[in-house]
Amino acid sequence: MRILIIEDDKKTISYLYKGLTASGYIVDTADDGLKAQHYVVQCQYDLILLDVMLPKCDGWTFLSWFRGVCPDTRVLFLTARDNVEDKVKGLELGADDYLVKPFAFSELLARIRNLLKRKDKSSHDQLHLADLHVDLIKHKVHRNNIAITLTPKEFSLLVFLLQHTGEVLTRALIAEKVWDINFDSDTNVIDVVLRRLRQKIDDPYEEKLLHTIRGVGYVIEQK
């Protein structure tokens, strides 16, 4: 599990980093909101620990932006702001929990474990890659928080690709698993549907996720 600490107090960063790494988590740190934005674009996190009072981009602003990019990543506000209005604001912006400083590390650890358990329970219904999100229950697809309409076959193909993120999938395997047919090298139906899928999930965006490996097949991954 990877956690990003967004905090500008060096002592707090050191305290959290040592405690969380000792508890088995992979931990990154960012001491301002803009740096944190760069981190979450480059790496996928399971949990964000977020302070409110941050330089360059405060916690409220960061969370509003972040929920458009990663709507399902758990966020725990860790802040000295203890009034009810701030707690309500944080939760309404999309935070999953709110813990006031000073705090006992054992309580923080318990809250983190609880949030990550909830994430595990819901992760089977969601697939994510970068800013691409697929809801398997509602059959909805979003990229950069924008809805994308797919045909049933395009949806099935995208789900299969995402379930094997980073793996090069041959046309024969795609035909077998998505179309339930033996691959016929004379047909281009797979390439046609893949082309349509790419036009919808990739062409409007600068970062491309669906890649062709010439002579082999296709892979979906974040380069």
C-alpha atoms as a PDB file:
ATOM      1  CA  MET A   1       0.000   0.000   0.000  1.00  0.00           C
ATOM      2  CA  ARG A   2       1.356   3.423  -0.988  1.00  0.00           C
ATOM      3  CA  ILE A   3       0.553   6.570   1.006  1.00  0.00           C
ATOM      4  CA  LEU A   4       1.236  10.205   0.133  1.00  0.00           C
ATOM      5  CA  ILE A   5       1.737  12.619   3.039  1.00  0.00           C
ATOM      6  CA  ILE A   6       0.962  16.230   2.077  1.00  0.00           C
ATOM      7  CA  GLU A   7       2.273  18.314   4.972  1.00  0.00           C
ATOM      8  CA  ASP A   8       4.590  21.309   5.289  1.00  0.00           C
ATOM      9  CA  ASP A   9       5.766  20.827   8.881  1.00  0.00           C
ATOM     10  CA  LYS A  10       9.093  18.971   8.784  1.00  0.00           C
ATOM     11  CA  LYS A  11       8.726  17.431  12.262  1.00  0.00           C
ATOM     12  CA  THR A  12       5.266  16.086  11.435  1.00  0.00           C
ATOM     13  CA  ILE A  13       6.518  14.723   8.102  1.00  0.00           C
ATOM     14  CA  SER A  14       9.405  12.917   9.833  1.00  0.00           C
ATOM     15  CA  TYR A  15       7.118  11.537  12.558  1.00  0.00           C
ATOM     16  CA  LEU A  16       4.552  10.230  10.084  1.00  0.00           C
ATOM     17  CA  TYR A  17       7.127   8.882   7.646  1.00  0.00           C
ATOM     18  CA  LYS A  18       8.966   6.873  10.302  1.00  0.00           C
ATOM     19  CA  GLY A  19       5.765   5.497  11.836  1.00  0.00           C
ATOM     20  CA  LEU A  20       4.098   4.526   8.567  1.00  0.00           C
ATOM     21  CA  THR A  21       7.174   2.957   6.974  1.00  0.00           C
ATOM     22  CA  ALA A  22       7.732   0.963  10.166  1.00  0.00           C
ATOM     23  CA  SER A  23       4.110  -0.219   9.804  1.00  0.00           C
ATOM     24  CA  GLY A  24       4.845  -1.593   6.347  1.00  0.00           C
ATOM     25  CA  TYR A  25       3.561   1.180   4.069  1.00  0.00           C
ATOM     26  CA  ILE A  26       5.369   2.737   1.116  1.00  0.00           C
ATOM     27  CA  VAL A  27       5.404   6.468   1.832  1.00  0.00           C
ATOM     28  CA  ASP A  28       6.004   9.573  -0.281  1.00  0.00           C
ATOM     29  CA  THR A  29       5.931  13.136   1.034  1.00  0.00           C
ATOM     30  CA  ALA A  30       5.089  16.517  -0.476  1.00  0.00           C
ATOM     31  CA  ASP A  31       5.477  19.785   1.423  1.00  0.00           C
ATOM     32  CA  ASP A  32       3.168  21.914  -0.733  1.00  0.00           C
ATOM     33  CA  GLY A  33      -0.025  21.426  -2.719  1.00  0.00           C
ATOM     34  CA  LEU A  34       1.465  21.966  -6.178  1.00  0.00           C
ATOM     35  CA  LYS A  35       4.172  19.387  -5.593  1.00  0.00           C
ATOM     36  CA  ALA A  36       1.478  16.984  -4.390  1.00  0.00           C
ATOM     37  CA  GLN A  37      -0.457  17.487  -7.655  1.00  0.00           C
ATOM     38  CA  HIS A  38       2.642  16.475  -9.591  1.00  0.00           C
ATOM     39  CA  TYR A  39       3.066  13.368  -7.428  1.00  0.00           C
ATOM     40  CA  VAL A  40      -0.482  12.058  -7.861  1.00  0.00           C
ATOM     41  CA  VAL A  41      -0.321  12.510 -11.627  1.00  0.00           C
ATOM     42  CA  GLN A  42       2.881  10.436 -11.740  1.00  0.00           C
ATOM     43  CA  CYS A  43       1.938   7.733  -9.229  1.00  0.00           C
ATOM     44  CA  GLN A  44      -1.187   5.935  -8.020  1.00  0.00           C
ATOM     45  CA  TYR A  45      -1.744   6.107  -4.259  1.00  0.00           C
ATOM     46  CA  ASP A  46      -3.983   4.065  -1.994  1.00  0.00           C
ATOM     47  CA  LEU A  47      -4.357   6.843   0.585  1.00  0.00           C
ATOM     48  CA  ILE A  48      -3.634  10.555   0.946  1.00  0.00           C
ATOM     49  CA  LEU A  49      -2.874  12.202   4.301  1.00  0.00           C
ATOM     50  CA  LEU A  50      -3.692  15.865   3.743  1.00  0.00           C
ATOM     51  CA  ASP A  51      -3.111  19.015   5.767  1.00  0.00           C
ATOM     52  CA  VAL A  52      -5.319  22.083   5.192  1.00  0.00           C
ATOM     53  CA  MET A  53      -2.809  24.907   5.588  1.00  0.00           C
ATOM     54  CA  LEU A  54      -0.311  24.325   2.790  1.00  0.00           C
ATOM     55  CA  PRO A  55       1.831  26.690   0.711  1.00  0.00           C
ATOM     56  CA  LYS A  56       1.115  27.277  -3.005  1.00  0.00           C
ATOM     57  CA  CYS A  57      -2.114  25.234  -2.978  1.00  0.00           C
ATOM     58  CA  ASP A  58      -4.074  24.695   0.250  1.00  0.00           C
ATOM     59  CA  GLY A  59      -5.723  21.430   1.242  1.00  0.00           C
ATOM     60  CA  TRP A  60      -9.239  22.533   0.259  1.00  0.00           C
ATOM     61  CA  THR A  61      -8.097  23.503  -3.241  1.00  0.00           C
ATOM     62  CA  PHE A  62      -6.006  20.370  -3.643  1.00  0.00           C
ATOM     63  CA  LEU A  63      -8.874  18.083  -2.660  1.00  0.00           C
ATOM     64  CA  SER A  64     -11.324  19.800  -5.018  1.00  0.00           C
ATOM     65  CA  TRP A  65      -8.858  19.243  -7.876  1.00  0.00           C
ATOM     66  CA  PHE A  66      -7.911  15.738  -6.738  1.00  0.00           C
ATOM     67  CA  ARG A  67     -11.473  14.447  -6.652  1.00  0.00           C
ATOM     68  CA  GLY A  68     -11.745  15.261 -10.359  1.00  0.00           C
ATOM     69  CA  VAL A  69      -8.638  13.197 -11.076  1.00  0.00           C
ATOM     70  CA  CYS A  70      -8.959  10.360  -8.539  1.00  0.00           C
ATOM     71  CA  PRO A  71     -12.544  10.161  -7.284  1.00  0.00           C
ATOM     72  CA  ASP A  72     -12.067   6.910  -5.347  1.00  0.00           C
ATOM     73  CA  THR A  73      -8.685   7.281  -3.618  1.00  0.00           C
ATOM     74  CA  ARG A  74      -9.073   7.541   0.155  1.00  0.00           C
ATOM     75  CA  VAL A  75      -8.255  10.941   1.672  1.00  0.00           C
ATOM     76  CA  LEU A  76      -7.764  11.614   5.388  1.00  0.00           C
ATOM     77  CA  PHE A  77      -7.470  15.227   6.527  1.00  0.00           C
ATOM     78  CA  LEU A  78      -4.822  15.581   9.215  1.00  0.00           C
ATOM     79  CA  THR A  79      -5.011  19.144  10.487  1.00  0.00           C
ATOM     80  CA  ALA A  80      -5.014  21.424  13.526  1.00  0.00           C
ATOM     81  CA  ARG A  81      -8.269  23.037  12.337  1.00  0.00           C
ATOM     82  CA  ASP A  82     -10.756  21.538  14.765  1.00  0.00           C
ATOM     83  CA  ASN A  83     -13.964  23.536  14.357  1.00  0.00           C
ATOM     84  CA  VAL A  84     -17.111  21.826  13.106  1.00  0.00           C
ATOM     85  CA  GLU A  85     -17.365  24.022  10.003  1.00  0.00           C
ATOM     86  CA  ASP A  86     -13.927  22.904   8.786  1.00  0.00           C
ATOM     87  CA  LYS A  87     -14.744  19.233   9.395  1.00  0.00           C
ATOM     88  CA  VAL A  88     -18.006  19.555   7.480  1.00  0.00           C
ATOM     89  CA  LYS A  89     -16.254  21.397   4.635  1.00  0.00           C
ATOM     90  CA  GLY A  90     -13.579  18.725   4.368  1.00  0.00           C
ATOM     91  CA  LEU A  91     -16.105  15.901   4.236  1.00  0.00           C
ATOM     92  CA  GLU A  92     -18.311  17.736   1.744  1.00  0.00           C
ATOM     93  CA  LEU A  93     -15.305  18.272  -0.540  1.00  0.00           C
ATOM     94  CA  GLY A  94     -14.806  14.516  -0.601  1.00  0.00           C
ATOM     95  CA  ALA A  95     -12.532  13.591   2.314  1.00  0.00           C
ATOM     96  CA  ASP A  96     -13.161  10.143   3.790  1.00  0.00           C
ATOM     97  CA  ASP A  97     -12.056  11.014   7.324  1.00  0.00           C
ATOM     98  CA  TYR A  98     -10.869  13.967   9.401  1.00  0.00           C
ATOM     99  CA  LEU A  99      -8.403  13.715  12.298  1.00  0.00           C
ATOM    100  CA  VAL A 100      -7.409  16.716  14.402  1.00  0.00           C
ATOM    101  CA  LYS A 101      -3.843  17.375  15.562  1.00  0.00           C
ATOM    102  CA  PRO A 102      -2.414  16.484  18.017  1.00  0.00           C
ATOM    103  CA  PHE A 103      -3.339  12.828  17.648  1.00  0.00           C
ATOM    104  CA  ALA A 104      -2.199   9.429  18.891  1.00  0.00           C
ATOM    105  CA  PHE A 105      -0.353   7.511  16.190  1.00  0.00           C
ATOM    106  CA  SER A 106      -2.264   4.347  17.155  1.00  0.00           C
ATOM    107  CA  GLU A 107      -5.540   6.124  16.333  1.00  0.00           C
ATOM    108  CA  LEU A 108      -4.189   7.370  13.004  1.00  0.00           C
ATOM    109  CA  LEU A 109      -3.019   3.855  12.132  1.00  0.00           C
ATOM    110  CA  ALA A 110      -6.424   2.392  13.013  1.00  0.00           C
ATOM    111  CA  ARG A 111      -8.189   4.964  10.820  1.00  0.00           C
ATOM    112  CA  ILE A 112      -5.812   4.282   7.920  1.00  0.00           C
ATOM    113  CA  ARG A 113      -6.408   0.539   8.167  1.00  0.00           C
ATOM    114  CA  ASN A 114     -10.152   1.073   8.266  1.00  0.00           C
ATOM    115  CA  LEU A 115     -10.095   3.301   5.176  1.00  0.00           C
ATOM    116  CA  LEU A 116      -7.933   0.845   3.245  1.00  0.00           C
ATOM    117  CA  LYS A 117     -10.246  -2.041   4.184  1.00  0.00           C
ATOM    118  CA  ARG A 118     -13.160  -0.056   2.763  1.00  0.00           C
ATOM    119  CA  LYS A 119     -11.106   0.575  -0.371  1.00  0.00           C
ATOM    120  CA  ASP A 120     -10.427  -3.152  -0.764  1.00  0.00           C
ATOM    121  CA  LYS A 121     -14.138  -3.951  -0.511  1.00  0.00           C
ATOM    122  CA  SER A 122     -15.045  -1.486  -3.258  1.00  0.00           C
ATOM    123  CA  SER A 123     -12.026  -2.108  -5.495  1.00  0.00           C
ATOM    124  CA  HIS A 124     -13.641  -5.160  -7.090  1.00  0.00           C
ATOM    125  CA  ASP A 125     -16.323  -2.889  -8.547  1.00  0.00           C
ATOM    126  CA  GLN A 126     -13.900  -0.288  -9.903  1.00  0.00           C
ATOM    127  CA  LEU A 127     -11.000  -0.284 -12.358  1.00  0.00           C
ATOM    128  CA  HIS A 128      -8.570   2.633 -12.654  1.00  0.00           C
ATOM    129  CA  LEU A 129      -5.592   3.678 -14.711  1.00  0.00           C
ATOM    130  CA  ALA A 130      -4.266   7.236 -14.477  1.00  0.00           C
ATOM    131  CA  ASP A 131      -7.401   9.407 -14.844  1.00  0.00           C
ATOM    132  CA  LEU A 132      -9.427   6.626 -16.508  1.00  0.00           C
ATOM    133  CA  HIS A 133     -12.117   5.113 -14.269  1.00  0.00           C
ATOM    134  CA  VAL A 134     -14.493   2.234 -14.957  1.00  0.00           C
ATOM    135  CA  ASP A 135     -17.478   1.363 -12.763  1.00  0.00           C
ATOM    136  CA  LEU A 136     -18.212  -2.333 -13.349  1.00  0.00           C
ATOM    137  CA  ILE A 137     -21.572  -2.241 -11.587  1.00  0.00           C
ATOM    138  CA  LYS A 138     -23.019   0.810 -13.320  1.00  0.00           C
ATOM    139  CA  HIS A 139     -21.164   0.178 -16.618  1.00  0.00           C
ATOM    140  CA  LYS A 140     -19.891   3.749 -16.635  1.00  0.00           C
ATOM    141  CA  VAL A 141     -16.566   5.051 -17.908  1.00  0.00           C
ATOM    142  CA  HIS A 142     -14.953   8.410 -17.113  1.00  0.00           C
ATOM    143  CA  ARG A 143     -11.667   9.963 -18.101  1.00  0.00           C
ATOM    144  CA  ASN A 144     -10.544  13.206 -16.482  1.00  0.00           C
ATOM    145  CA  ASN A 145     -14.004  13.226 -14.852  1.00  0.00           C
ATOM    146  CA  ILE A 146     -15.694  13.302 -18.288  1.00  0.00           C
ATOM    147  CA  ALA A 147     -18.212  10.566 -19.140  1.00  0.00           C
ATOM    148  CA  ILE A 148     -17.374   8.337 -22.111  1.00  0.00           C
ATOM    149  CA  THR A 149     -20.064   6.324 -23.900  1.00  0.00           C
ATOM    150  CA  LEU A 150     -18.992   2.842 -25.010  1.00  0.00           C
ATOM    151  CA  THR A 151     -20.809   0.044 -26.773  1.00  0.00           C
ATOM    152  CA  PRO A 152     -21.169  -3.214 -24.781  1.00  0.00           C
ATOM    153  CA  LYS A 153     -18.323  -4.817 -26.737  1.00  0.00           C
ATOM    154  CA  GLU A 154     -16.066  -1.763 -26.310  1.00  0.00           C
ATOM    155  CA  PHE A 155     -16.817  -1.827 -22.581  1.00  0.00           C
ATOM    156  CA  SER A 156     -15.993  -5.545 -22.309  1.00  0.00           C
ATOM    157  CA  LEU A 157     -12.763  -4.999 -24.224  1.00  0.00           C
ATOM    158  CA  LEU A 158     -11.721  -2.090 -22.009  1.00  0.00           C
ATOM    159  CA  VAL A 159     -12.450  -4.087 -18.857  1.00  0.00           C
ATOM    160  CA  PHE A 160     -10.364  -7.013 -20.131  1.00  0.00           C
ATOM    161  CA  LEU A 161      -7.461  -4.701 -20.978  1.00  0.00           C
ATOM    162  CA  LEU A 162      -7.594  -2.984 -17.576  1.00  0.00           C
ATOM    163  CA  GLN A 163      -7.747  -6.309 -15.758  1.00  0.00           C
ATOM    164  CA  HIS A 164      -4.391  -7.034 -17.413  1.00  0.00           C
ATOM    165  CA  THR A 165      -2.798  -3.593 -17.175  1.00  0.00           C
ATOM    166  CA  GLY A 166       0.808  -3.653 -18.321  1.00  0.00           C
ATOM    167  CA  GLU A 167       0.465  -7.030 -20.060  1.00  0.00           C
ATOM    168  CA  VAL A 168       0.819  -7.327 -23.823  1.00  0.00           C
ATOM    169  CA  LEU A 169      -2.320  -9.132 -25.028  1.00  0.00           C
ATOM    170  CA  THR A 170      -2.319 -10.915 -28.366  1.00  0.00           C
ATOM    171  CA  ARG A 171      -5.212 -10.658 -30.808  1.00  0.00           C
ATOM    172  CA  ALA A 172      -5.797 -14.395 -30.350  1.00  0.00           C
ATOM    173  CA  LEU A 173      -6.194 -14.000 -26.574  1.00  0.00           C
ATOM    174  CA  ILE A 174      -8.477 -10.966 -26.961  1.00  0.00           C
ATOM    175  CA  ALA A 175     -10.632 -12.861 -29.471  1.00  0.00           C
ATOM    176  CA  GLU A 176     -10.929 -15.808 -27.094  1.00  0.00           C
ATOM    177  CA  LYS A 177     -11.666 -13.867 -23.912  1.00  0.00           C
ATOM    178  CA  VAL A 178     -13.758 -10.956 -25.233  1.00  0.00           C
ATOM    179  CA  TRP A 179     -15.414 -12.406 -28.352  1.00  0.00           C
ATOM    180  CA  ASP A 180     -15.363 -16.067 -27.231  1.00  0.00           C
ATOM    181  CA  ILE A 181     -14.168 -17.090 -30.690  1.00  0.00           C
ATOM    182  CA  ASN A 182     -11.048 -18.555 -32.224  1.00  0.00           C
ATOM    183  CA  PHE A 183      -8.917 -15.858 -33.811  1.00  0.00           C
ATOM    184  CA  ASP A 184      -9.179 -15.613 -37.589  1.00  0.00           C
ATOM    185  CA  SER A 185      -6.230 -13.724 -39.043  1.00  0.00           C
ATOM    186  CA  ASP A 186      -8.384 -12.725 -42.011  1.00  0.00           C
ATOM    187  CA  THR A 187     -10.793 -10.680 -39.899  1.00  0.00           C
ATOM    188  CA  ASN A 188     -10.051  -7.184 -38.652  1.00  0.00           C
ATOM    189  CA  VAL A 189     -12.989  -6.912 -36.236  1.00  0.00           C
ATOM    190  CA  ILE A 190     -10.665  -6.762 -33.208  1.00  0.00           C
ATOM    191  CA  ASP A 191      -8.567  -3.984 -34.735  1.00  0.00           C
ATOM    192  CA  VAL A 192     -11.711  -2.041 -35.682  1.00  0.00           C
ATOM    193  CA  VAL A 193     -13.146  -2.159 -32.158  1.00  0.00           C
ATOM    194  CA  LEU A 194      -9.765  -1.345 -30.623  1.00  0.00           C
ATOM    195  CA  ARG A 195      -9.467   1.628 -32.954  1.00  0.00           C
ATOM    196  CA  ARG A 196     -12.899   2.887 -31.900  1.00  0.00           C
ATOM    197  CA  LEU A 197     -12.002   2.393 -28.249  1.00  0.00           C
ATOM    198  CA  ARG A 198      -8.762   4.332 -28.692  1.00  0.00           C
ATOM    199  CA  GLN A 199     -10.652   7.196 -30.360  1.00  0.00           C
ATOM    200  CA  LYS A 200     -12.875   7.490 -27.297  1.00  0.00           C
ATOM    201  CA  ILE A 201     -10.485   6.961 -24.383  1.00  0.00           C
ATOM    202  CA  ASP A 202      -7.203   8.258 -25.832  1.00  0.00           C
ATOM    203  CA  ASP A 203      -7.501  10.588 -28.815  1.00  0.00           C
ATOM    204  CA  PRO A 204      -8.990  13.577 -26.890  1.00  0.00           C
ATOM    205  CA  TYR A 205      -6.228  13.391 -24.256  1.00  0.00           C
ATOM    206  CA  GLU A 206      -2.532  14.183 -24.257  1.00  0.00           C
ATOM    207  CA  GLU A 207      -1.518  11.093 -22.277  1.00  0.00           C
ATOM    208  CA  LYS A 208      -2.093   7.910 -24.271  1.00  0.00           C
ATOM    209  CA  LEU A 209      -2.937   4.699 -22.427  1.00  0.00           C
ATOM    210  CA  LEU A 210      -3.722   2.147 -25.156  1.00  0.00           C
ATOM    211  CA  HIS A 211      -0.645   1.109 -27.132  1.00  0.00           C
ATOM    212  CA  THR A 212      -0.045  -1.172 -30.111  1.00  0.00           C
ATOM    213  CA  ILE A 213       2.914  -3.549 -29.963  1.00  0.00           C
ATOM    214  CA  ARG A 214       3.604  -4.248 -33.608  1.00  0.00           C
ATOM    215  CA  GLY A 215       3.455  -7.894 -34.553  1.00  0.00           C
ATOM    216  CA  VAL A 216       2.358  -8.899 -31.052  1.00  0.00           C
ATOM    217  CA  GLY A 217      -0.811  -7.223 -29.815  1.00  0.00           C
ATOM    218  CA  TYR A 218      -1.988  -4.468 -27.484  1.00  0.00           C
ATOM    219  CA  VAL A 219      -1.246  -3.190 -24.009  1.00  0.00           C
ATOM    220  CA  ILE A 220      -2.932  -0.615 -21.808  1.00  0.00           C
ATOM    221  CA  GLU A 221      -0.582   1.131 -19.400  1.00  0.00           C
ATOM    222  CA  GLN A 222       0.635   4.495 -18.173  1.00  0.00           C
ATOM    223  CA  LYS A 223       3.977   5.274 -19.809  1.00  0.00           C
END
